[in-house]
Amino acid sequence: MLKLIQNEWMKLWSKKATWIMAILLIVILLANAGITKWIESTAPAPEMEWQEMEMMNLASAEDQLQNPDIGPAQQDYYEGQAAIAEYRLANDAAPFKVESLQQQVLDSHMMLSLVTLFTVIVGAGIVASEFSQGTIKMLLTRPVKRWKILTSKYITTMLFALLFASLLSYRSLYSAGFSLELETAHSWYGTDRKSLKALTGLKH
């Protein structure tokens, strides 16, 4: 089984498409990190406290919910925004800073859709290429059970997805300046942890 996985892994990275996807992901991550740092360095100081901004967000969300023509998806979105604003105000939980580790993790979570897309492409290509290149006959004539062949392809695809997801995690830690400082630990277990709870699905 290990030899089959190793063989599939080597065949996967012998394709130009795999390297193109890897380079594309790295470029997108670097560009995203650069833009984030640039916005952070050029953004002016806020003219109002975060509590005032949350009150404005809450009022705006409630105004949108009063619209009779609003769709179900938009209604769910604004209800979530209103719930987050209410929670922050009620619990004195300040929003995450752009450069914080928690916000970087939340932002990278949205990038997982790109990793999913690449994984689907690889999963489809890793089987289709056997037919297009005519190697499927030679593969099936080997004294190896078919379920082992398919399992090795599946494991190879999952390893590919794990590698790309690891790149996302590394980017999040690097962009946030992850260094296990006391300030980071305090923000995680302190006020920012309350915000994380609200941002990950709190609706009352």
C-alpha atoms as a PDB file:
ATOM      1  CA  MET A   1       0.000   0.000   0.000  1.00  0.00           C
ATOM      2  CA  LEU A   2       2.807   2.424   0.873  1.00  0.00           C
ATOM      3  CA  LYS A   3       4.496   1.792  -2.470  1.00  0.00           C
ATOM      4  CA  LEU A   4       1.229   2.481  -4.261  1.00  0.00           C
ATOM      5  CA  ILE A   5       0.791   5.754  -2.374  1.00  0.00           C
ATOM      6  CA  GLN A   6       4.385   6.742  -3.092  1.00  0.00           C
ATOM      7  CA  ASN A   7       3.880   5.944  -6.771  1.00  0.00           C
ATOM      8  CA  GLU A   8       0.687   8.001  -6.948  1.00  0.00           C
ATOM      9  CA  TRP A   9       2.354  10.899  -5.127  1.00  0.00           C
ATOM     10  CA  MET A  10       5.246  10.908  -7.582  1.00  0.00           C
ATOM     11  CA  LYS A  11       2.885  10.771 -10.555  1.00  0.00           C
ATOM     12  CA  LEU A  12       0.838  13.626  -9.095  1.00  0.00           C
ATOM     13  CA  TRP A  13       3.819  15.967  -8.766  1.00  0.00           C
ATOM     14  CA  SER A  14       5.159  15.020 -12.174  1.00  0.00           C
ATOM     15  CA  LYS A  15       2.237  16.919 -13.702  1.00  0.00           C
ATOM     16  CA  LYS A  16       2.555  20.595 -14.578  1.00  0.00           C
ATOM     17  CA  ALA A  17      -1.018  21.262 -13.416  1.00  0.00           C
ATOM     18  CA  THR A  18      -0.114  20.294  -9.844  1.00  0.00           C
ATOM     19  CA  TRP A  19       2.789  22.734  -9.741  1.00  0.00           C
ATOM     20  CA  ILE A  20       0.634  25.449 -11.303  1.00  0.00           C
ATOM     21  CA  MET A  21      -1.988  25.024  -8.566  1.00  0.00           C
ATOM     22  CA  ALA A  22       0.686  25.072  -5.853  1.00  0.00           C
ATOM     23  CA  ILE A  23       2.330  28.217  -7.245  1.00  0.00           C
ATOM     24  CA  LEU A  24      -1.053  29.871  -7.720  1.00  0.00           C
ATOM     25  CA  LEU A  25      -2.025  29.195  -4.115  1.00  0.00           C
ATOM     26  CA  ILE A  26       1.290  30.541  -2.801  1.00  0.00           C
ATOM     27  CA  VAL A  27       0.969  33.696  -4.929  1.00  0.00           C
ATOM     28  CA  ILE A  28      -2.582  34.282  -3.696  1.00  0.00           C
ATOM     29  CA  LEU A  29      -1.527  33.797  -0.069  1.00  0.00           C
ATOM     30  CA  LEU A  30       1.452  36.130  -0.401  1.00  0.00           C
ATOM     31  CA  ALA A  31      -0.648  38.757  -2.169  1.00  0.00           C
ATOM     32  CA  ASN A  32      -3.335  38.497   0.493  1.00  0.00           C
ATOM     33  CA  ALA A  33      -0.769  38.832   3.279  1.00  0.00           C
ATOM     34  CA  GLY A  34       0.852  41.830   1.571  1.00  0.00           C
ATOM     35  CA  ILE A  35      -2.473  43.571   1.060  1.00  0.00           C
ATOM     36  CA  THR A  36      -3.418  42.934   4.691  1.00  0.00           C
ATOM     37  CA  LYS A  37      -0.141  44.408   5.936  1.00  0.00           C
ATOM     38  CA  TRP A  38      -0.494  47.397   3.605  1.00  0.00           C
ATOM     39  CA  ILE A  39      -4.041  48.112   4.775  1.00  0.00           C
ATOM     40  CA  GLU A  40      -2.900  47.768   8.379  1.00  0.00           C
ATOM     41  CA  SER A  41      -0.029  50.248   7.906  1.00  0.00           C
ATOM     42  CA  THR A  42      -1.983  52.828   5.909  1.00  0.00           C
ATOM     43  CA  ALA A  43      -5.330  52.663   7.696  1.00  0.00           C
ATOM     44  CA  PRO A  44      -6.056  55.830   9.683  1.00  0.00           C
ATOM     45  CA  ALA A  45      -6.788  55.655  13.372  1.00  0.00           C
ATOM     46  CA  PRO A  46     -10.469  55.059  14.098  1.00  0.00           C
ATOM     47  CA  GLU A  47     -12.393  58.213  14.832  1.00  0.00           C
ATOM     48  CA  MET A  48     -14.774  56.461  17.203  1.00  0.00           C
ATOM     49  CA  GLU A  49     -14.705  53.709  19.779  1.00  0.00           C
ATOM     50  CA  TRP A  50     -15.568  50.184  18.734  1.00  0.00           C
ATOM     51  CA  GLN A  51     -18.732  50.327  20.843  1.00  0.00           C
ATOM     52  CA  GLU A  52     -20.064  53.191  18.724  1.00  0.00           C
ATOM     53  CA  MET A  53     -19.226  51.332  15.541  1.00  0.00           C
ATOM     54  CA  GLU A  54     -21.014  48.221  16.784  1.00  0.00           C
ATOM     55  CA  MET A  55     -24.070  50.271  17.637  1.00  0.00           C
ATOM     56  CA  MET A  56     -24.054  51.640  14.100  1.00  0.00           C
ATOM     57  CA  ASN A  57     -23.687  48.114  12.687  1.00  0.00           C
ATOM     58  CA  LEU A  58     -26.561  46.920  14.840  1.00  0.00           C
ATOM     59  CA  ALA A  59     -28.796  49.797  13.734  1.00  0.00           C
ATOM     60  CA  SER A  60     -27.893  49.184  10.087  1.00  0.00           C
ATOM     61  CA  ALA A  61     -28.649  45.456  10.355  1.00  0.00           C
ATOM     62  CA  GLU A  62     -31.980  46.121  12.034  1.00  0.00           C
ATOM     63  CA  ASP A  63     -32.896  48.615   9.298  1.00  0.00           C
ATOM     64  CA  GLN A  64     -32.141  46.034   6.635  1.00  0.00           C
ATOM     65  CA  LEU A  65     -34.264  43.442   8.445  1.00  0.00           C
ATOM     66  CA  GLN A  66     -37.213  45.823   8.273  1.00  0.00           C
ATOM     67  CA  ASN A  67     -37.104  45.696   4.475  1.00  0.00           C
ATOM     68  CA  PRO A  68     -40.041  43.506   3.293  1.00  0.00           C
ATOM     69  CA  ASP A  69     -38.251  42.645   0.032  1.00  0.00           C
ATOM     70  CA  ILE A  70     -35.222  41.097   1.729  1.00  0.00           C
ATOM     71  CA  GLY A  71     -34.410  37.507   0.710  1.00  0.00           C
ATOM     72  CA  PRO A  72     -33.908  34.543   3.058  1.00  0.00           C
ATOM     73  CA  ALA A  73     -30.133  34.516   2.591  1.00  0.00           C
ATOM     74  CA  GLN A  74     -29.840  38.240   3.273  1.00  0.00           C
ATOM     75  CA  GLN A  75     -32.127  37.906   6.282  1.00  0.00           C
ATOM     76  CA  ASP A  76     -29.914  35.206   7.786  1.00  0.00           C
ATOM     77  CA  TYR A  77     -26.841  37.354   7.136  1.00  0.00           C
ATOM     78  CA  TYR A  78     -28.206  40.483   8.807  1.00  0.00           C
ATOM     79  CA  GLU A  79     -29.653  38.484  11.702  1.00  0.00           C
ATOM     80  CA  GLY A  80     -26.156  37.082  12.263  1.00  0.00           C
ATOM     81  CA  GLN A  81     -24.602  40.542  12.095  1.00  0.00           C
ATOM     82  CA  ALA A  82     -27.147  41.876  14.566  1.00  0.00           C
ATOM     83  CA  ALA A  83     -26.551  38.948  16.934  1.00  0.00           C
ATOM     84  CA  ILE A  84     -22.782  39.493  16.821  1.00  0.00           C
ATOM     85  CA  ALA A  85     -23.136  43.222  17.502  1.00  0.00           C
ATOM     86  CA  GLU A  86     -25.537  42.606  20.404  1.00  0.00           C
ATOM     87  CA  TYR A  87     -23.197  40.018  21.922  1.00  0.00           C
ATOM     88  CA  ARG A  88     -20.176  42.288  21.687  1.00  0.00           C
ATOM     89  CA  LEU A  89     -21.992  45.187  23.277  1.00  0.00           C
ATOM     90  CA  ALA A  90     -23.558  43.072  26.023  1.00  0.00           C
ATOM     91  CA  ASN A  91     -20.289  41.316  26.934  1.00  0.00           C
ATOM     92  CA  ASP A  92     -17.845  44.158  26.203  1.00  0.00           C
ATOM     93  CA  ALA A  93     -16.098  41.922  23.649  1.00  0.00           C
ATOM     94  CA  ALA A  94     -14.059  44.035  21.235  1.00  0.00           C
ATOM     95  CA  PRO A  95     -13.741  42.871  17.603  1.00  0.00           C
ATOM     96  CA  PHE A  96     -10.551  41.185  16.510  1.00  0.00           C
ATOM     97  CA  LYS A  97      -7.801  43.384  15.173  1.00  0.00           C
ATOM     98  CA  VAL A  98      -6.885  42.829  11.522  1.00  0.00           C
ATOM     99  CA  GLU A  99      -3.395  41.641  12.450  1.00  0.00           C
ATOM    100  CA  SER A 100      -4.535  39.334  15.269  1.00  0.00           C
ATOM    101  CA  LEU A 101      -3.983  35.585  15.003  1.00  0.00           C
ATOM    102  CA  GLN A 102      -7.679  34.890  15.470  1.00  0.00           C
ATOM    103  CA  GLN A 103      -8.722  37.159  12.604  1.00  0.00           C
ATOM    104  CA  GLN A 104      -6.081  35.648  10.344  1.00  0.00           C
ATOM    105  CA  VAL A 105      -7.443  32.174  11.100  1.00  0.00           C
ATOM    106  CA  LEU A 106     -10.974  33.319  10.316  1.00  0.00           C
ATOM    107  CA  ASP A 107      -9.831  34.898   7.050  1.00  0.00           C
ATOM    108  CA  SER A 108      -7.892  31.810   5.995  1.00  0.00           C
ATOM    109  CA  HIS A 109     -10.958  29.694   6.662  1.00  0.00           C
ATOM    110  CA  MET A 110     -12.596  31.360   3.663  1.00  0.00           C
ATOM    111  CA  MET A 111      -9.594  30.376   1.538  1.00  0.00           C
ATOM    112  CA  LEU A 112     -10.339  26.710   2.171  1.00  0.00           C
ATOM    113  CA  SER A 113     -12.860  26.851  -0.671  1.00  0.00           C
ATOM    114  CA  LEU A 114      -9.922  27.319  -3.036  1.00  0.00           C
ATOM    115  CA  VAL A 115      -8.148  24.320  -1.519  1.00  0.00           C
ATOM    116  CA  THR A 116     -11.353  22.309  -1.914  1.00  0.00           C
ATOM    117  CA  LEU A 117     -11.531  23.275  -5.581  1.00  0.00           C
ATOM    118  CA  PHE A 118      -7.936  22.212  -6.180  1.00  0.00           C
ATOM    119  CA  THR A 119      -8.543  18.939  -4.340  1.00  0.00           C
ATOM    120  CA  VAL A 120     -11.570  18.137  -6.506  1.00  0.00           C
ATOM    121  CA  ILE A 121      -9.519  18.830  -9.644  1.00  0.00           C
ATOM    122  CA  VAL A 122      -6.717  16.559  -8.417  1.00  0.00           C
ATOM    123  CA  GLY A 123      -9.141  13.822  -7.344  1.00  0.00           C
ATOM    124  CA  ALA A 124     -10.795  13.793 -10.756  1.00  0.00           C
ATOM    125  CA  GLY A 125      -7.542  14.027 -12.672  1.00  0.00           C
ATOM    126  CA  ILE A 126      -5.759  11.308 -10.734  1.00  0.00           C
ATOM    127  CA  VAL A 127      -8.252   8.756 -12.108  1.00  0.00           C
ATOM    128  CA  ALA A 128      -9.014  10.313 -15.495  1.00  0.00           C
ATOM    129  CA  SER A 129      -5.318  10.514 -16.374  1.00  0.00           C
ATOM    130  CA  GLU A 130      -5.045   6.723 -16.154  1.00  0.00           C
ATOM    131  CA  PHE A 131      -7.577   6.409 -18.964  1.00  0.00           C
ATOM    132  CA  SER A 132      -6.301   9.302 -21.078  1.00  0.00           C
ATOM    133  CA  GLN A 133      -2.695   8.052 -20.912  1.00  0.00           C
ATOM    134  CA  GLY A 134      -3.685   4.425 -21.428  1.00  0.00           C
ATOM    135  CA  THR A 135      -2.037   3.229 -18.215  1.00  0.00           C
ATOM    136  CA  ILE A 136      -5.241   1.893 -16.671  1.00  0.00           C
ATOM    137  CA  LYS A 137      -4.886  -1.492 -18.411  1.00  0.00           C
ATOM    138  CA  MET A 138      -1.345  -1.970 -17.188  1.00  0.00           C
ATOM    139  CA  LEU A 139      -2.381  -0.890 -13.697  1.00  0.00           C
ATOM    140  CA  LEU A 140      -5.275  -3.344 -13.502  1.00  0.00           C
ATOM    141  CA  THR A 141      -3.196  -6.258 -14.780  1.00  0.00           C
ATOM    142  CA  ARG A 142      -0.814  -5.949 -11.849  1.00  0.00           C
ATOM    143  CA  PRO A 143      -1.304  -8.443  -8.988  1.00  0.00           C
ATOM    144  CA  VAL A 144      -2.838  -5.765  -6.786  1.00  0.00           C
ATOM    145  CA  LYS A 145      -6.448  -5.625  -5.683  1.00  0.00           C
ATOM    146  CA  ARG A 146      -8.530  -2.835  -7.153  1.00  0.00           C
ATOM    147  CA  TRP A 147      -9.617  -1.511  -3.764  1.00  0.00           C
ATOM    148  CA  LYS A 148      -5.967  -0.964  -2.866  1.00  0.00           C
ATOM    149  CA  ILE A 149      -5.426   1.003  -6.066  1.00  0.00           C
ATOM    150  CA  LEU A 150      -8.448   3.215  -5.425  1.00  0.00           C
ATOM    151  CA  THR A 151      -7.539   3.629  -1.754  1.00  0.00           C
ATOM    152  CA  SER A 152      -4.015   4.738  -2.648  1.00  0.00           C
ATOM    153  CA  LYS A 153      -5.443   7.349  -5.015  1.00  0.00           C
ATOM    154  CA  TYR A 154      -7.841   8.553  -2.324  1.00  0.00           C
ATOM    155  CA  ILE A 155      -5.081   8.813   0.301  1.00  0.00           C
ATOM    156  CA  THR A 156      -2.867  10.670  -2.159  1.00  0.00           C
ATOM    157  CA  THR A 157      -5.642  13.165  -2.814  1.00  0.00           C
ATOM    158  CA  MET A 158      -6.168  13.680   0.911  1.00  0.00           C
ATOM    159  CA  LEU A 159      -2.434  14.212   1.433  1.00  0.00           C
ATOM    160  CA  PHE A 160      -2.536  16.855  -1.291  1.00  0.00           C
ATOM    161  CA  ALA A 161      -5.431  18.600   0.460  1.00  0.00           C
ATOM    162  CA  LEU A 162      -3.613  18.371   3.820  1.00  0.00           C
ATOM    163  CA  LEU A 163      -0.483  19.933   2.315  1.00  0.00           C
ATOM    164  CA  PHE A 164      -2.385  22.885   0.889  1.00  0.00           C
ATOM    165  CA  ALA A 165      -4.368  23.338   4.116  1.00  0.00           C
ATOM    166  CA  SER A 166      -1.060  23.401   6.002  1.00  0.00           C
ATOM    167  CA  LEU A 167       0.105  26.222   3.741  1.00  0.00           C
ATOM    168  CA  LEU A 168      -2.996  28.184   4.725  1.00  0.00           C
ATOM    169  CA  SER A 169      -2.317  27.581   8.417  1.00  0.00           C
ATOM    170  CA  TYR A 170       1.314  28.624   8.064  1.00  0.00           C
ATOM    171  CA  ARG A 171       0.279  31.785   6.256  1.00  0.00           C
ATOM    172  CA  SER A 172      -2.139  32.638   9.086  1.00  0.00           C
ATOM    173  CA  LEU A 173       0.503  32.135  11.759  1.00  0.00           C
ATOM    174  CA  TYR A 174       3.150  34.035   9.813  1.00  0.00           C
ATOM    175  CA  SER A 175       0.894  36.985   8.968  1.00  0.00           C
ATOM    176  CA  ALA A 176      -0.187  37.321  12.566  1.00  0.00           C
ATOM    177  CA  GLY A 177       3.429  37.298  13.781  1.00  0.00           C
ATOM    178  CA  PHE A 178       2.847  34.132  15.777  1.00  0.00           C
ATOM    179  CA  SER A 179       5.463  33.931  18.504  1.00  0.00           C
ATOM    180  CA  LEU A 180       3.646  32.635  21.582  1.00  0.00           C
ATOM    181  CA  GLU A 181       3.857  36.020  23.241  1.00  0.00           C
ATOM    182  CA  LEU A 182       1.947  36.722  26.410  1.00  0.00           C
ATOM    183  CA  GLU A 183      -0.098  39.363  24.649  1.00  0.00           C
ATOM    184  CA  THR A 184      -1.366  36.846  22.127  1.00  0.00           C
ATOM    185  CA  ALA A 185      -2.192  34.335  24.815  1.00  0.00           C
ATOM    186  CA  HIS A 186      -4.009  36.992  26.798  1.00  0.00           C
ATOM    187  CA  SER A 187      -6.098  38.098  23.819  1.00  0.00           C
ATOM    188  CA  TRP A 188      -7.001  34.496  23.037  1.00  0.00           C
ATOM    189  CA  TYR A 189      -8.169  33.616  26.527  1.00  0.00           C
ATOM    190  CA  GLY A 190      -9.501  37.070  27.282  1.00  0.00           C
ATOM    191  CA  THR A 191     -11.738  39.409  25.409  1.00  0.00           C
ATOM    192  CA  ASP A 192     -10.996  38.081  21.917  1.00  0.00           C
ATOM    193  CA  ARG A 193     -12.188  34.633  22.891  1.00  0.00           C
ATOM    194  CA  LYS A 194     -15.641  36.074  23.499  1.00  0.00           C
ATOM    195  CA  SER A 195     -15.633  37.555  20.016  1.00  0.00           C
ATOM    196  CA  LEU A 196     -14.584  34.221  18.540  1.00  0.00           C
ATOM    197  CA  LYS A 197     -17.554  32.536  20.160  1.00  0.00           C
ATOM    198  CA  ALA A 198     -19.882  35.121  18.667  1.00  0.00           C
ATOM    199  CA  LEU A 199     -18.290  34.942  15.216  1.00  0.00           C
ATOM    200  CA  THR A 200     -18.524  31.160  15.001  1.00  0.00           C
ATOM    201  CA  GLY A 201     -22.297  30.922  15.003  1.00  0.00           C
ATOM    202  CA  LEU A 202     -23.848  32.614  17.998  1.00  0.00           C
ATOM    203  CA  LYS A 203     -27.467  33.554  17.263  1.00  0.00           C
ATOM    204  CA  HIS A 204     -29.949  34.306  20.017  1.00  0.00           C
END
